[in-house]
C-alpha atoms as a PDB file:
ATOM      1  CA  MET A   1      24.720 -18.292  19.196  1.00  0.00           C
ATOM      2  CA  VAL A   2      22.801 -15.421  20.767  1.00  0.00           C
ATOM      3  CA  ARG A   3      25.263 -12.776  21.976  1.00  0.00           C
ATOM      4  CA  VAL A   4      24.275 -11.034  25.206  1.00  0.00           C
ATOM      5  CA  ILE A   5      25.573  -8.212  27.389  1.00  0.00           C
ATOM      6  CA  VAL A   6      24.345  -7.869  30.977  1.00  0.00           C
ATOM      7  CA  VAL A   7      24.349  -4.347  32.425  1.00  0.00           C
ATOM      8  CA  ASP A   8      23.891  -4.082  36.194  1.00  0.00           C
ATOM      9  CA  ASP A   9      25.560  -2.219  39.032  1.00  0.00           C
ATOM     10  CA  GLU A  10      25.804  -5.340  41.231  1.00  0.00           C
ATOM     11  CA  GLU A  11      28.636  -7.742  40.431  1.00  0.00           C
ATOM     12  CA  LEU A  12      26.751 -10.658  42.010  1.00  0.00           C
ATOM     13  CA  VAL A  13      23.775 -10.107  39.687  1.00  0.00           C
ATOM     14  CA  ARG A  14      26.028  -9.876  36.637  1.00  0.00           C
ATOM     15  CA  SER A  15      27.865 -13.069  37.577  1.00  0.00           C
ATOM     16  CA  GLY A  16      24.622 -14.916  38.271  1.00  0.00           C
ATOM     17  CA  PHE A  17      23.117 -13.984  34.922  1.00  0.00           C
ATOM     18  CA  ARG A  18      26.325 -14.983  33.131  1.00  0.00           C
ATOM     19  CA  LEU A  19      26.375 -18.431  34.760  1.00  0.00           C
ATOM     20  CA  ILE A  20      22.705 -19.085  34.019  1.00  0.00           C
ATOM     21  CA  LEU A  21      22.831 -17.943  30.391  1.00  0.00           C
ATOM     22  CA  GLN A  22      26.170 -19.541  29.513  1.00  0.00           C
ATOM     23  CA  ALA A  23      24.794 -22.885  30.730  1.00  0.00           C
ATOM     24  CA  ALA A  24      22.141 -22.748  27.982  1.00  0.00           C
ATOM     25  CA  GLY A  25      24.686 -23.704  25.334  1.00  0.00           C
ATOM     26  CA  ASP A  26      23.318 -21.480  22.567  1.00  0.00           C
ATOM     27  CA  ILE A  27      23.844 -18.178  24.414  1.00  0.00           C
ATOM     28  CA  GLU A  28      27.164 -16.375  24.814  1.00  0.00           C
ATOM     29  CA  VAL A  29      27.518 -13.606  27.386  1.00  0.00           C
ATOM     30  CA  VAL A  30      30.149 -11.444  25.715  1.00  0.00           C
ATOM     31  CA  ALA A  31      30.376  -8.898  28.555  1.00  0.00           C
ATOM     32  CA  THR A  32      28.939  -7.995  31.952  1.00  0.00           C
ATOM     33  CA  VAL A  33      29.333  -4.310  32.759  1.00  0.00           C
ATOM     34  CA  THR A  34      28.112  -1.385  34.823  1.00  0.00           C
ATOM     35  CA  GLY A  35      25.921   1.342  33.357  1.00  0.00           C
ATOM     36  CA  ALA A  36      28.842   3.693  32.785  1.00  0.00           C
ATOM     37  CA  GLU A  37      30.556   1.097  30.576  1.00  0.00           C
ATOM     38  CA  ALA A  38      27.456  -0.035  28.701  1.00  0.00           C
ATOM     39  CA  VAL A  39      27.502   2.058  25.522  1.00  0.00           C
ATOM     40  CA  LYS A  40      31.223   1.514  24.937  1.00  0.00           C
ATOM     41  CA  GLU A  41      30.978  -2.256  25.411  1.00  0.00           C
ATOM     42  CA  VAL A  42      27.855  -2.584  23.270  1.00  0.00           C
ATOM     43  CA  SER A  43      29.539  -0.639  20.480  1.00  0.00           C
ATOM     44  CA  LEU A  44      32.589  -2.894  20.801  1.00  0.00           C
ATOM     45  CA  HIS A  45      30.854  -6.292  20.962  1.00  0.00           C
ATOM     46  CA  ALA A  46      27.641  -5.662  18.941  1.00  0.00           C
ATOM     47  CA  PRO A  47      25.448  -8.033  20.998  1.00  0.00           C
ATOM     48  CA  ASP A  48      22.058  -9.298  19.861  1.00  0.00           C
ATOM     49  CA  VAL A  49      20.445  -8.654  23.243  1.00  0.00           C
ATOM     50  CA  VAL A  50      21.212  -6.341  26.158  1.00  0.00           C
ATOM     51  CA  LEU A  51      19.752  -6.999  29.598  1.00  0.00           C
ATOM     52  CA  LEU A  52      19.793  -3.591  31.279  1.00  0.00           C
ATOM     53  CA  ASP A  53      19.119  -2.807  34.933  1.00  0.00           C
ATOM     54  CA  ILE A  54      16.486  -0.106  35.139  1.00  0.00           C
ATOM     55  CA  ARG A  55      17.899   1.428  38.335  1.00  0.00           C
ATOM     56  CA  MET A  56      21.635   1.971  38.788  1.00  0.00           C
ATOM     57  CA  PRO A  57      23.497   4.456  41.000  1.00  0.00           C
ATOM     58  CA  ASP A  58      26.261   5.346  38.549  1.00  0.00           C
ATOM     59  CA  VAL A  59      24.017   6.112  35.574  1.00  0.00           C
ATOM     60  CA  ASP A  60      20.263   5.896  35.123  1.00  0.00           C
ATOM     61  CA  GLY A  61      19.127   2.826  33.154  1.00  0.00           C
ATOM     62  CA  LEU A  62      16.717   4.916  31.101  1.00  0.00           C
ATOM     63  CA  THR A  63      19.583   7.174  30.035  1.00  0.00           C
ATOM     64  CA  VAL A  64      21.590   4.141  28.924  1.00  0.00           C
ATOM     65  CA  LEU A  65      18.556   2.814  27.042  1.00  0.00           C
ATOM     66  CA  ARG A  66      18.164   6.036  25.075  1.00  0.00           C
ATOM     67  CA  GLN A  67      21.876   6.030  24.254  1.00  0.00           C
ATOM     68  CA  LEU A  68      21.731   2.426  23.047  1.00  0.00           C
ATOM     69  CA  ARG A  69      18.654   3.087  20.935  1.00  0.00           C
ATOM     70  CA  GLY A  70      20.568   5.927  19.292  1.00  0.00           C
ATOM     71  CA  LEU A  71      23.332   3.654  17.998  1.00  0.00           C
ATOM     72  CA  ARG A  72      23.519   3.010  14.258  1.00  0.00           C
ATOM     73  CA  THR A  73      22.605  -0.639  14.816  1.00  0.00           C
ATOM     74  CA  PRO A  74      20.874  -0.736  18.198  1.00  0.00           C
ATOM     75  CA  PRO A  75      20.572  -4.067  20.031  1.00  0.00           C
ATOM     76  CA  VAL A  76      17.368  -5.459  21.441  1.00  0.00           C
ATOM     77  CA  VAL A  77      17.139  -4.161  25.008  1.00  0.00           C
ATOM     78  CA  ALA A  78      15.113  -5.642  27.856  1.00  0.00           C
ATOM     79  CA  MET A  79      15.023  -3.931  31.219  1.00  0.00           C
ATOM     80  CA  LEU A  80      15.856  -5.787  34.427  1.00  0.00           C
ATOM     81  CA  THR A  81      13.937  -4.777  37.536  1.00  0.00           C
ATOM     82  CA  THR A  82      13.059  -6.038  40.993  1.00  0.00           C
ATOM     83  CA  PHE A  83       9.816  -4.075  40.957  1.00  0.00           C
ATOM     84  CA  ASP A  84       6.792  -5.319  39.012  1.00  0.00           C
ATOM     85  CA  SER A  85       5.159  -1.907  39.486  1.00  0.00           C
ATOM     86  CA  ASP A  86       8.273   0.202  38.903  1.00  0.00           C
ATOM     87  CA  GLU A  87       7.253   3.661  37.742  1.00  0.00           C
ATOM     88  CA  TYR A  88      10.129   3.622  35.260  1.00  0.00           C
ATOM     89  CA  ILE A  89       8.720   0.695  33.285  1.00  0.00           C
ATOM     90  CA  ALA A  90       6.241   2.750  31.246  1.00  0.00           C
ATOM     91  CA  THR A  91       8.970   5.234  30.326  1.00  0.00           C
ATOM     92  CA  ALA A  92      11.282   2.388  29.314  1.00  0.00           C
ATOM     93  CA  LEU A  93       8.634   0.927  27.002  1.00  0.00           C
ATOM     94  CA  ARG A  94       8.019   4.304  25.391  1.00  0.00           C
ATOM     95  CA  SER A  95      11.784   4.693  24.933  1.00  0.00           C
ATOM     96  CA  GLY A  96      12.047   1.525  22.889  1.00  0.00           C
ATOM     97  CA  ALA A  97      12.648  -1.296  25.375  1.00  0.00           C
ATOM     98  CA  ALA A  98      11.618  -4.683  24.015  1.00  0.00           C
ATOM     99  CA  GLY A  99      10.134  -5.611  27.374  1.00  0.00           C
ATOM    100  CA  PHE A 100      11.218  -6.162  30.919  1.00  0.00           C
ATOM    101  CA  ILE A 101      12.255  -9.094  33.076  1.00  0.00           C
ATOM    102  CA  LEU A 102      11.931  -9.319  36.834  1.00  0.00           C
ATOM    103  CA  LYS A 103      15.154 -10.297  38.571  1.00  0.00           C
ATOM    104  CA  ASP A 104      13.307 -13.068  40.400  1.00  0.00           C
ATOM    105  CA  THR A 105      12.494 -14.796  37.094  1.00  0.00           C
ATOM    106  CA  ALA A 106      13.100 -18.541  37.388  1.00  0.00           C
ATOM    107  CA  PRO A 107      16.568 -19.456  36.025  1.00  0.00           C
ATOM    108  CA  GLU A 108      15.112 -22.090  33.703  1.00  0.00           C
ATOM    109  CA  GLN A 109      12.954 -19.408  32.054  1.00  0.00           C
ATOM    110  CA  LEU A 110      15.679 -16.806  31.555  1.00  0.00           C
ATOM    111  CA  ALA A 111      17.393 -18.432  28.566  1.00  0.00           C
ATOM    112  CA  GLN A 112      14.091 -18.837  26.720  1.00  0.00           C
ATOM    113  CA  LEU A 113      13.227 -15.182  27.335  1.00  0.00           C
ATOM    114  CA  VAL A 114      16.574 -14.173  25.815  1.00  0.00           C
ATOM    115  CA  ARG A 115      15.931 -16.404  22.790  1.00  0.00           C
ATOM    116  CA  THR A 116      12.527 -14.789  22.362  1.00  0.00           C
ATOM    117  CA  LEU A 117      14.078 -11.322  22.460  1.00  0.00           C
ATOM    118  CA  ALA A 118      16.748 -12.271  19.922  1.00  0.00           C
ATOM    119  CA  ALA A 119      14.062 -13.615  17.576  1.00  0.00           C
ATOM    120  CA  GLY A 120      12.139 -10.338  17.681  1.00  0.00           C
ATOM    121  CA  GLY A 121       9.511 -11.486  20.151  1.00  0.00           C
ATOM    122  CA  VAL A 122       7.910  -9.564  23.007  1.00  0.00           C
ATOM    123  CA  VAL A 123       8.919 -10.229  26.610  1.00  0.00           C
ATOM    124  CA  LEU A 124       6.676  -8.897  29.354  1.00  0.00           C
ATOM    125  CA  SER A 125       6.770 -10.325  32.845  1.00  0.00           C
ATOM    126  CA  PRO A 126       3.478 -12.011  33.790  1.00  0.00           C
ATOM    127  CA  LYS A 127       3.513  -9.836  36.903  1.00  0.00           C
ATOM    128  CA  VAL A 128       2.913  -6.669  34.868  1.00  0.00           C
ATOM    129  CA  THR A 129       0.291  -4.740  36.809  1.00  0.00           C
ATOM    130  CA  ARG A 130      -2.773  -3.205  35.167  1.00  0.00           C
ATOM    131  CA  THR A 131      -1.663   0.130  36.598  1.00  0.00           C
ATOM    132  CA  VAL A 132       1.552   0.041  34.585  1.00  0.00           C
ATOM    133  CA  VAL A 133      -0.230  -0.973  31.386  1.00  0.00           C
ATOM    134  CA  ASP A 134      -2.958   1.637  31.754  1.00  0.00           C
ATOM    135  CA  GLY A 135      -0.455   4.300  32.749  1.00  0.00           C
ATOM    136  CA  TYR A 136       1.516   3.668  29.578  1.00  0.00           C
ATOM    137  CA  LEU A 137      -1.438   3.491  27.220  1.00  0.00           C
ATOM    138  CA  ASP A 138      -3.254   6.479  28.659  1.00  0.00           C
ATOM    139  CA  SER A 139      -0.390   8.762  27.746  1.00  0.00           C
ATOM    140  CA  GLY A 140      -1.131  10.540  24.494  1.00  0.00           C
ATOM    141  CA  ALA A 141       0.084   8.306  21.692  1.00  0.00           C
ATOM    142  CA  GLY A 142      -0.821   5.166  23.639  1.00  0.00           C
ATOM    143  CA  SER A 143      -4.524   5.845  23.976  1.00  0.00           C
ATOM    144  CA  ALA A 144      -4.644   7.236  20.429  1.00  0.00           C
ATOM    145  CA  ALA A 145      -3.083   3.981  19.192  1.00  0.00           C
ATOM    146  CA  ALA A 146      -5.638   1.865  21.060  1.00  0.00           C
ATOM    147  CA  ALA A 147      -8.394   3.656  19.166  1.00  0.00           C
ATOM    148  CA  GLN A 148      -6.792   2.604  15.858  1.00  0.00           C
ATOM    149  CA  VAL A 149      -7.214  -1.143  16.400  1.00  0.00           C
ATOM    150  CA  GLY A 150     -10.473  -1.044  14.444  1.00  0.00           C
ATOM    151  CA  ARG A 151      -8.504  -0.046  11.340  1.00  0.00           C
ATOM    152  CA  LEU A 152      -6.660  -3.365  11.239  1.00  0.00           C
ATOM    153  CA  SER A 153      -7.722  -6.093   8.843  1.00  0.00           C
ATOM    154  CA  GLU A 154      -8.752  -9.470  10.242  1.00  0.00           C
ATOM    155  CA  ARG A 155      -5.386 -10.985   9.305  1.00  0.00           C
ATOM    156  CA  GLU A 156      -3.553  -8.059  10.915  1.00  0.00           C
ATOM    157  CA  ARG A 157      -5.535  -8.580  14.119  1.00  0.00           C
ATOM    158  CA  VAL A 158      -4.484 -12.227  14.142  1.00  0.00           C
ATOM    159  CA  VAL A 159      -0.851 -11.222  13.692  1.00  0.00           C
ATOM    160  CA  LEU A 160      -1.175  -8.577  16.422  1.00  0.00           C
ATOM    161  CA  VAL A 161      -2.451 -11.157  18.910  1.00  0.00           C
ATOM    162  CA  LEU A 162       0.447 -13.472  18.028  1.00  0.00           C
ATOM    163  CA  ILE A 163       2.883 -10.585  18.518  1.00  0.00           C
ATOM    164  CA  ALA A 164       1.332 -10.001  21.943  1.00  0.00           C
ATOM    165  CA  ASP A 165       1.828 -13.708  22.698  1.00  0.00           C
ATOM    166  CA  GLY A 166       5.557 -13.148  22.201  1.00  0.00           C
ATOM    167  CA  LEU A 167       5.966 -15.005  18.910  1.00  0.00           C
ATOM    168  CA  SER A 168       8.761 -14.106  16.508  1.00  0.00           C
ATOM    169  CA  ASN A 169       8.168 -13.475  12.799  1.00  0.00           C
ATOM    170  CA  THR A 170       9.262 -17.030  12.017  1.00  0.00           C
ATOM    171  CA  ASP A 171       6.873 -18.489  14.600  1.00  0.00           C
ATOM    172  CA  ILE A 172       3.998 -16.363  13.299  1.00  0.00           C
ATOM    173  CA  ALA A 173       4.704 -17.420   9.717  1.00  0.00           C
ATOM    174  CA  GLN A 174       4.536 -21.072  10.725  1.00  0.00           C
ATOM    175  CA  ARG A 175       1.355 -20.524  12.729  1.00  0.00           C
ATOM    176  CA  ILE A 176      -0.632 -18.840   9.943  1.00  0.00           C
ATOM    177  CA  HIS A 177       1.089 -20.629   7.035  1.00  0.00           C
ATOM    178  CA  VAL A 178       2.602 -17.667   5.198  1.00  0.00           C
ATOM    179  CA  SER A 179       6.156 -16.555   4.412  1.00  0.00           C
ATOM    180  CA  VAL A 180       8.303 -14.626   6.881  1.00  0.00           C
ATOM    181  CA  GLY A 181       8.340 -11.746   4.377  1.00  0.00           C
ATOM    182  CA  THR A 182       4.546 -11.583   4.445  1.00  0.00           C
ATOM    183  CA  VAL A 183       4.599 -11.479   8.244  1.00  0.00           C
ATOM    184  CA  LYS A 184       7.098  -8.619   8.149  1.00  0.00           C
ATOM    185  CA  ASP A 185       4.741  -6.721   5.833  1.00  0.00           C
ATOM    186  CA  HIS A 186       1.851  -7.318   8.251  1.00  0.00           C
ATOM    187  CA  VAL A 187       3.931  -6.189  11.236  1.00  0.00           C
ATOM    188  CA  SER A 188       4.975  -3.013   9.424  1.00  0.00           C
ATOM    189  CA  ALA A 189       1.343  -2.233   8.563  1.00  0.00           C
ATOM    190  CA  ILE A 190       0.249  -2.900  12.151  1.00  0.00           C
ATOM    191  CA  LEU A 191       2.844  -0.557  13.646  1.00  0.00           C
ATOM    192  CA  THR A 192       1.882   2.148  11.153  1.00  0.00           C
ATOM    193  CA  LYS A 193      -1.865   1.849  11.739  1.00  0.00           C
ATOM    194  CA  LEU A 194      -1.496   1.727  15.526  1.00  0.00           C
ATOM    195  CA  GLN A 195       0.959   4.639  15.425  1.00  0.00           C
ATOM    196  CA  VAL A 196       3.482   2.841  17.631  1.00  0.00           C
ATOM    197  CA  GLY A 197       7.196   2.289  17.229  1.00  0.00           C
ATOM    198  CA  SER A 198       7.765  -1.235  18.486  1.00  0.00           C
ATOM    199  CA  ARG A 199       6.240  -4.679  18.823  1.00  0.00           C
ATOM    200  CA  VAL A 200       6.024  -4.397  22.592  1.00  0.00           C
ATOM    201  CA  GLN A 201       3.999  -1.186  22.294  1.00  0.00           C
ATOM    202  CA  ALA A 202       1.695  -2.926  19.824  1.00  0.00           C
ATOM    203  CA  ALA A 203       1.303  -5.807  22.288  1.00  0.00           C
ATOM    204  CA  LEU A 204       0.202  -3.408  25.016  1.00  0.00           C
ATOM    205  CA  VAL A 205      -2.316  -1.845  22.645  1.00  0.00           C
ATOM    206  CA  ALA A 206      -3.711  -5.311  21.940  1.00  0.00           C
ATOM    207  CA  GLN A 207      -4.064  -5.949  25.652  1.00  0.00           C
ATOM    208  CA  ARG A 208      -5.769  -2.637  26.381  1.00  0.00           C
ATOM    209  CA  ALA A 209      -8.101  -3.020  23.383  1.00  0.00           C
ATOM    210  CA  GLY A 210      -9.349  -6.378  24.651  1.00  0.00           C
ATOM    211  CA  LEU A 211      -7.882  -8.541  21.876  1.00  0.00           C
ATOM    212  CA  LEU A 212      -6.323 -10.894  24.410  1.00  0.00           C
ATOM    213  CA  GLU A 213      -8.271 -13.265  26.602  1.00  0.00           C
ATOM    214  CA  GLY A 214      -9.310 -11.671  29.857  1.00  0.00           C
ATOM    215  CA  THR A 215      -8.226  -8.141  28.938  1.00  0.00           C
ATOM    216  CA  GLY A 216      -9.865  -4.968  27.790  1.00  0.00           C
ATOM    217  CA  PRO A 217     -11.715  -2.111  29.499  1.00  0.00           C
END
């Protein structure tokens, strides 16, 4: 079972997400809370995934994200937003979010996105605008990381593209016929060479560097 906590200021949104995810069978929503309750409940329940509203009146979602990332064993956190061009998205990615999900995501897709997050995959809404991506990557470490793509080996480039496609370590291992441990070694080397701190940041570098179909300067 994938254990999930939903953090949102609107009770209707929390209830809707609970109903959708619980219906999946392999996902358990262990709590639905407001931003002010988030850190306490995450510490209590130790979920695998937290779905966190990026804008809340009681406490800023980015503040909650930083607090969660500071826990001894931080959960995977994906930001929930109604805005595909939200100016907070770039900051959330730099702060360690594993991606973001638009609140108008089709219900049948939501459970699979949560499974992908729990497996270590990357979740980026297909409605991500080029402005958001460029704004993130053009900020200091982002653009410096994009310049490091040429330092990757051919195998590391293959793994980077698969990371950007949202595959977990297990999926990547099956795709390129190596062990999960070998994939983990490749991922570690990729993050080091690109000078980024997460898979989602590496995925954005891959997009900006033109490693994905239809992307690049």
